[in-house]
C-alpha atoms as a PDB file:
ATOM      1  CA  MET A   1     -41.809 -26.980   8.620  1.00  0.00           C
ATOM      2  CA  GLN A   2     -39.293 -27.255   5.838  1.00  0.00           C
ATOM      3  CA  PRO A   3     -39.678 -24.897   2.893  1.00  0.00           C
ATOM      4  CA  LEU A   4     -41.901 -26.007   0.010  1.00  0.00           C
ATOM      5  CA  PRO A   5     -41.970 -27.825  -2.295  1.00  0.00           C
ATOM      6  CA  HIS A   6     -41.871 -31.175  -0.506  1.00  0.00           C
ATOM      7  CA  HIS A   7     -41.318 -34.411  -2.428  1.00  0.00           C
ATOM      8  CA  TYR A   8     -42.632 -37.840  -1.439  1.00  0.00           C
ATOM      9  CA  VAL A   9     -41.521 -41.036  -3.137  1.00  0.00           C
ATOM     10  CA  VAL A  10     -43.353 -44.321  -2.607  1.00  0.00           C
ATOM     11  CA  ALA A  11     -42.880 -47.605  -4.454  1.00  0.00           C
ATOM     12  CA  ALA A  12     -45.248 -50.505  -5.026  1.00  0.00           C
ATOM     13  CA  THR A  13     -43.816 -53.876  -5.979  1.00  0.00           C
ATOM     14  CA  GLY A  14     -45.980 -56.857  -6.758  1.00  0.00           C
ATOM     15  CA  ASP A  15     -46.467 -60.118  -8.538  1.00  0.00           C
ATOM     16  CA  ALA A  16     -49.518 -62.277  -9.190  1.00  0.00           C
ATOM     17  CA  ARG A  17     -49.913 -63.015  -5.463  1.00  0.00           C
ATOM     18  CA  SER A  18     -48.584 -60.180  -3.347  1.00  0.00           C
ATOM     19  CA  LEU A  19     -48.023 -56.430  -3.271  1.00  0.00           C
ATOM     20  CA  ARG A  20     -45.762 -54.376  -1.027  1.00  0.00           C
ATOM     21  CA  VAL A  21     -45.716 -50.628  -0.631  1.00  0.00           C
ATOM     22  CA  SER A  22     -42.476 -49.075   0.539  1.00  0.00           C
ATOM     23  CA  ALA A  23     -40.789 -45.741   1.159  1.00  0.00           C
ATOM     24  CA  HIS A  24     -37.291 -44.962   2.368  1.00  0.00           C
ATOM     25  CA  GLY A  25     -37.007 -45.243   6.130  1.00  0.00           C
ATOM     26  CA  LEU A  26     -40.526 -46.604   6.648  1.00  0.00           C
ATOM     27  CA  PRO A  27     -41.789 -50.133   7.282  1.00  0.00           C
ATOM     28  CA  ASP A  28     -43.223 -51.901   4.240  1.00  0.00           C
ATOM     29  CA  LEU A  29     -46.977 -52.381   4.032  1.00  0.00           C
ATOM     30  CA  ALA A  30     -48.692 -55.377   2.507  1.00  0.00           C
ATOM     31  CA  SER A  31     -51.484 -54.286   0.194  1.00  0.00           C
ATOM     32  CA  ALA A  32     -54.161 -56.034  -1.836  1.00  0.00           C
ATOM     33  CA  ALA A  33     -57.401 -55.363  -3.611  1.00  0.00           C
ATOM     34  CA  PRO A  34     -60.288 -54.883  -1.174  1.00  0.00           C
ATOM     35  CA  ALA A  35     -63.040 -57.470  -0.823  1.00  0.00           C
ATOM     36  CA  GLU A  36     -65.282 -55.219  -2.955  1.00  0.00           C
ATOM     37  CA  PHE A  37     -62.905 -55.911  -5.879  1.00  0.00           C
ATOM     38  CA  ASP A  38     -62.651 -59.637  -5.117  1.00  0.00           C
ATOM     39  CA  GLY A  39     -59.505 -59.208  -3.045  1.00  0.00           C
ATOM     40  CA  PRO A  40     -58.880 -61.012   0.233  1.00  0.00           C
ATOM     41  CA  GLY A  41     -60.130 -58.096   2.361  1.00  0.00           C
ATOM     42  CA  ASP A  42     -57.499 -58.708   5.032  1.00  0.00           C
ATOM     43  CA  GLN A  43     -54.855 -56.170   3.984  1.00  0.00           C
ATOM     44  CA  TRP A  44     -54.641 -52.455   3.393  1.00  0.00           C
ATOM     45  CA  SER A  45     -55.988 -51.585  -0.046  1.00  0.00           C
ATOM     46  CA  PRO A  46     -55.382 -48.442  -2.085  1.00  0.00           C
ATOM     47  CA  GLU A  47     -58.931 -47.392  -1.191  1.00  0.00           C
ATOM     48  CA  SER A  48     -58.453 -47.895   2.561  1.00  0.00           C
ATOM     49  CA  LEU A  49     -55.047 -46.210   2.409  1.00  0.00           C
ATOM     50  CA  LEU A  50     -56.610 -43.148   0.764  1.00  0.00           C
ATOM     51  CA  CYS A  51     -59.226 -42.885   3.522  1.00  0.00           C
ATOM     52  CA  ALA A  52     -56.509 -43.450   6.143  1.00  0.00           C
ATOM     53  CA  ALA A  53     -54.466 -40.643   4.585  1.00  0.00           C
ATOM     54  CA  VAL A  54     -57.421 -38.268   4.907  1.00  0.00           C
ATOM     55  CA  ALA A  55     -58.132 -39.326   8.507  1.00  0.00           C
ATOM     56  CA  SER A  56     -54.528 -39.047   9.675  1.00  0.00           C
ATOM     57  CA  CYS A  57     -54.049 -35.735   7.865  1.00  0.00           C
ATOM     58  CA  PHE A  58     -57.170 -34.399   9.589  1.00  0.00           C
ATOM     59  CA  VAL A  59     -55.848 -35.338  13.049  1.00  0.00           C
ATOM     60  CA  LEU A  60     -52.378 -33.928  12.344  1.00  0.00           C
ATOM     61  CA  THR A  61     -53.879 -30.705  10.976  1.00  0.00           C
ATOM     62  CA  PHE A  62     -56.098 -30.458  14.052  1.00  0.00           C
ATOM     63  CA  ARG A  63     -53.026 -30.773  16.284  1.00  0.00           C
ATOM     64  CA  ALA A  64     -51.469 -27.750  14.591  1.00  0.00           C
ATOM     65  CA  VAL A  65     -54.711 -25.743  14.715  1.00  0.00           C
ATOM     66  CA  ALA A  66     -55.272 -26.580  18.385  1.00  0.00           C
ATOM     67  CA  ARG A  67     -51.703 -25.606  19.257  1.00  0.00           C
ATOM     68  CA  ALA A  68     -52.053 -22.271  17.436  1.00  0.00           C
ATOM     69  CA  SER A  69     -55.440 -21.687  19.111  1.00  0.00           C
ATOM     70  CA  ARG A  70     -54.102 -22.678  22.542  1.00  0.00           C
ATOM     71  CA  LEU A  71     -56.885 -25.244  22.735  1.00  0.00           C
ATOM     72  CA  GLU A  72     -56.315 -27.934  25.349  1.00  0.00           C
ATOM     73  CA  TRP A  73     -57.773 -31.270  24.293  1.00  0.00           C
ATOM     74  CA  ARG A  74     -57.644 -34.874  25.427  1.00  0.00           C
ATOM     75  CA  ASN A  75     -58.446 -37.036  22.407  1.00  0.00           C
ATOM     76  CA  LEU A  76     -59.619 -36.846  18.808  1.00  0.00           C
ATOM     77  CA  GLU A  77     -61.161 -39.831  17.072  1.00  0.00           C
ATOM     78  CA  CYS A  78     -61.538 -39.454  13.324  1.00  0.00           C
ATOM     79  CA  ASN A  79     -63.368 -41.863  11.020  1.00  0.00           C
ATOM     80  CA  VAL A  80     -63.448 -41.289   7.273  1.00  0.00           C
ATOM     81  CA  GLU A  81     -65.920 -43.020   4.991  1.00  0.00           C
ATOM     82  CA  GLY A  82     -65.193 -42.819   1.284  1.00  0.00           C
ATOM     83  CA  LEU A  83     -67.885 -43.367  -1.328  1.00  0.00           C
ATOM     84  CA  LEU A  84     -66.561 -44.897  -4.553  1.00  0.00           C
ATOM     85  CA  GLU A  85     -68.819 -44.557  -7.591  1.00  0.00           C
ATOM     86  CA  ARG A  86     -68.665 -44.654 -11.355  1.00  0.00           C
ATOM     87  CA  THR A  87     -68.917 -41.122 -12.733  1.00  0.00           C
ATOM     88  CA  ASP A  88     -68.597 -40.257 -16.415  1.00  0.00           C
ATOM     89  CA  GLY A  89     -67.296 -43.742 -17.140  1.00  0.00           C
ATOM     90  CA  VAL A  90     -64.554 -43.772 -14.480  1.00  0.00           C
ATOM     91  CA  MET A  91     -64.510 -44.963 -10.896  1.00  0.00           C
ATOM     92  CA  GLN A  92     -63.657 -42.305  -8.365  1.00  0.00           C
ATOM     93  CA  PHE A  93     -64.305 -41.264  -4.817  1.00  0.00           C
ATOM     94  CA  THR A  94     -67.252 -38.882  -4.959  1.00  0.00           C
ATOM     95  CA  ARG A  95     -67.721 -38.214  -1.235  1.00  0.00           C
ATOM     96  CA  LEU A  96     -65.522 -38.260   1.840  1.00  0.00           C
ATOM     97  CA  SER A  97     -67.445 -38.116   5.105  1.00  0.00           C
ATOM     98  CA  THR A  98     -65.334 -37.296   8.127  1.00  0.00           C
ATOM     99  CA  ARG A  99     -66.769 -38.020  11.558  1.00  0.00           C
ATOM    100  CA  ALA A 100     -64.668 -36.384  14.262  1.00  0.00           C
ATOM    101  CA  THR A 101     -65.230 -36.839  17.981  1.00  0.00           C
ATOM    102  CA  LEU A 102     -63.210 -34.430  20.101  1.00  0.00           C
ATOM    103  CA  THR A 103     -62.899 -34.966  23.848  1.00  0.00           C
ATOM    104  CA  VAL A 104     -62.053 -31.919  25.943  1.00  0.00           C
ATOM    105  CA  ASP A 105     -62.311 -30.799  29.546  1.00  0.00           C
ATOM    106  CA  SER A 106     -65.614 -29.167  30.445  1.00  0.00           C
ATOM    107  CA  THR A 107     -63.744 -25.875  30.916  1.00  0.00           C
ATOM    108  CA  GLN A 108     -63.062 -25.557  27.170  1.00  0.00           C
ATOM    109  CA  ASN A 109     -65.132 -23.244  24.970  1.00  0.00           C
ATOM    110  CA  PRO A 110     -67.311 -25.395  22.648  1.00  0.00           C
ATOM    111  CA  ASP A 111     -67.279 -22.702  19.924  1.00  0.00           C
ATOM    112  CA  LEU A 112     -63.473 -22.677  19.900  1.00  0.00           C
ATOM    113  CA  CYS A 113     -63.489 -26.490  19.677  1.00  0.00           C
ATOM    114  CA  ARG A 114     -65.910 -26.479  16.747  1.00  0.00           C
ATOM    115  CA  ARG A 115     -63.932 -23.771  14.914  1.00  0.00           C
ATOM    116  CA  ALA A 116     -60.714 -25.745  15.385  1.00  0.00           C
ATOM    117  CA  LEU A 117     -62.348 -28.867  13.925  1.00  0.00           C
ATOM    118  CA  GLU A 118     -63.674 -26.875  10.962  1.00  0.00           C
ATOM    119  CA  LYS A 119     -60.243 -25.305  10.380  1.00  0.00           C
ATOM    120  CA  ALA A 120     -58.685 -28.785  10.417  1.00  0.00           C
ATOM    121  CA  GLU A 121     -61.190 -29.946   7.789  1.00  0.00           C
ATOM    122  CA  HIS A 122     -60.512 -26.871   5.678  1.00  0.00           C
ATOM    123  CA  GLY A 123     -56.737 -27.177   6.048  1.00  0.00           C
ATOM    124  CA  CYS A 124     -56.297 -30.918   5.464  1.00  0.00           C
ATOM    125  CA  LEU A 125     -53.891 -30.957   2.510  1.00  0.00           C
ATOM    126  CA  VAL A 126     -54.669 -34.558   1.528  1.00  0.00           C
ATOM    127  CA  ALA A 127     -58.422 -33.953   1.315  1.00  0.00           C
ATOM    128  CA  ASN A 128     -57.773 -30.625  -0.426  1.00  0.00           C
ATOM    129  CA  SER A 129     -55.904 -32.561  -3.127  1.00  0.00           C
ATOM    130  CA  LEU A 130     -58.952 -34.670  -3.998  1.00  0.00           C
ATOM    131  CA  THR A 131     -62.054 -33.801  -6.007  1.00  0.00           C
ATOM    132  CA  ALA A 132     -64.565 -35.664  -3.831  1.00  0.00           C
ATOM    133  CA  GLN A 133     -67.251 -33.720  -2.001  1.00  0.00           C
ATOM    134  CA  ARG A 134     -66.483 -33.437   1.685  1.00  0.00           C
ATOM    135  CA  GLU A 135     -68.624 -33.550   4.755  1.00  0.00           C
ATOM    136  CA  LEU A 136     -67.602 -33.012   8.380  1.00  0.00           C
ATOM    137  CA  ARG A 137     -69.724 -34.308  11.224  1.00  0.00           C
ATOM    138  CA  ALA A 138     -68.202 -33.111  14.475  1.00  0.00           C
ATOM    139  CA  GLU A 139     -69.065 -34.084  18.013  1.00  0.00           C
ATOM    140  CA  ILE A 140     -67.547 -32.488  21.083  1.00  0.00           C
ATOM    141  CA  ARG A 141     -67.512 -34.568  24.249  1.00  0.00           C
ATOM    142  CA  THR A 142     -66.696 -32.961  27.540  1.00  0.00           C
ATOM    143  CA  VAL A 143     -65.343 -34.566  30.660  1.00  0.00           C
ATOM    144  CA  GLU A 144     -65.653 -32.988  34.052  1.00  0.00           C
ATOM    145  CA  VAL A 145     -62.452 -31.686  35.568  1.00  0.00           C
ATOM    146  CA  PRO A 146     -62.135 -32.808  39.183  1.00  0.00           C
ATOM    147  CA  ARG A 147     -62.407 -29.892  41.532  1.00  0.00           C
ATOM    148  CA  LEU A 148     -59.978 -29.552  44.361  1.00  0.00           C
ATOM    149  CA  THR A 149     -61.652 -29.537  47.736  1.00  0.00           C
ATOM    150  CA  ALA A 150     -60.145 -28.087  50.854  1.00  0.00           C
ATOM    151  CA  ASN A 151     -59.561 -30.543  53.673  1.00  0.00           C
ATOM    152  CA  ALA A 152     -61.522 -29.624  56.747  1.00  0.00           C
END
């Protein structure tokens, strides 16, 4: 990791019909208001991008935690549901519910898996930057590791 502080610069350019989000060296994203705000509902919205930022940060943080914990894992599926409400006269996300499904070999310690998921939730810098209440619902799925059999 590079020394802190880190700086991130993103631009949004739009007119009455379209909006593009860009950052140096990255592909542009089309963005629009979500269907809930009378937008087309077929493009990334600021609301969906915020939830995507939390979900991707969770997975990336889990990768680092798992590596440090020497936890072998196969797959992590993360879904984030954001609840947008009006509070004290302003609209804001009041709750972020993260549902994480971790798939590991049956040889892995379930307590270590659960701790790694909880550390990822606690360490997610994007979610830590928001004021919404957070909830983690974690599921650990195990798959059997094929056993080697001796040929007779």
